[in-house]
Amino acid sequence: MQNEELTLSVLRNIDTLKTQKSLANELGLSIGKVNYVLKALIEKGFIKAENFFANKNKNQYKYLLTEHGLKEKINLTEKFIQRKKKEYDELIFELEMMKSEGQA
């Protein structure tokens, strides 16, 4: 998974994130990798982590998307859509070429 796609995947799932383990399972990554990415996104100011003070498990955090993180999420989503549109156009072109070669 590319770095931008990984970042986008985490930012897209941050609101529903229950645990790092559940995110790791969903994305097919190790918990260590998810932890590393979350820390990097916190350092960049894309997300912030808050403790659940009322929770018995003081190691549990709620991750929140910041305004800067929302802008980055929008930017990465636009780039992702552009990349996928280009791939789609290339596939349509290949398909049309195969069809025209098959008729010749």
Foldseek 3Di string as FASTA:
>chain_A
DDPLVVLLLCLVCQQVDFDLVVSCVVVVHDSVVSVVSVVVCVVVVQKDWDAPPPDPPRPGTRIGGDPVNVVSSVVSVVVVVVVVVVVVVVVVVVVVVVVVVVVD
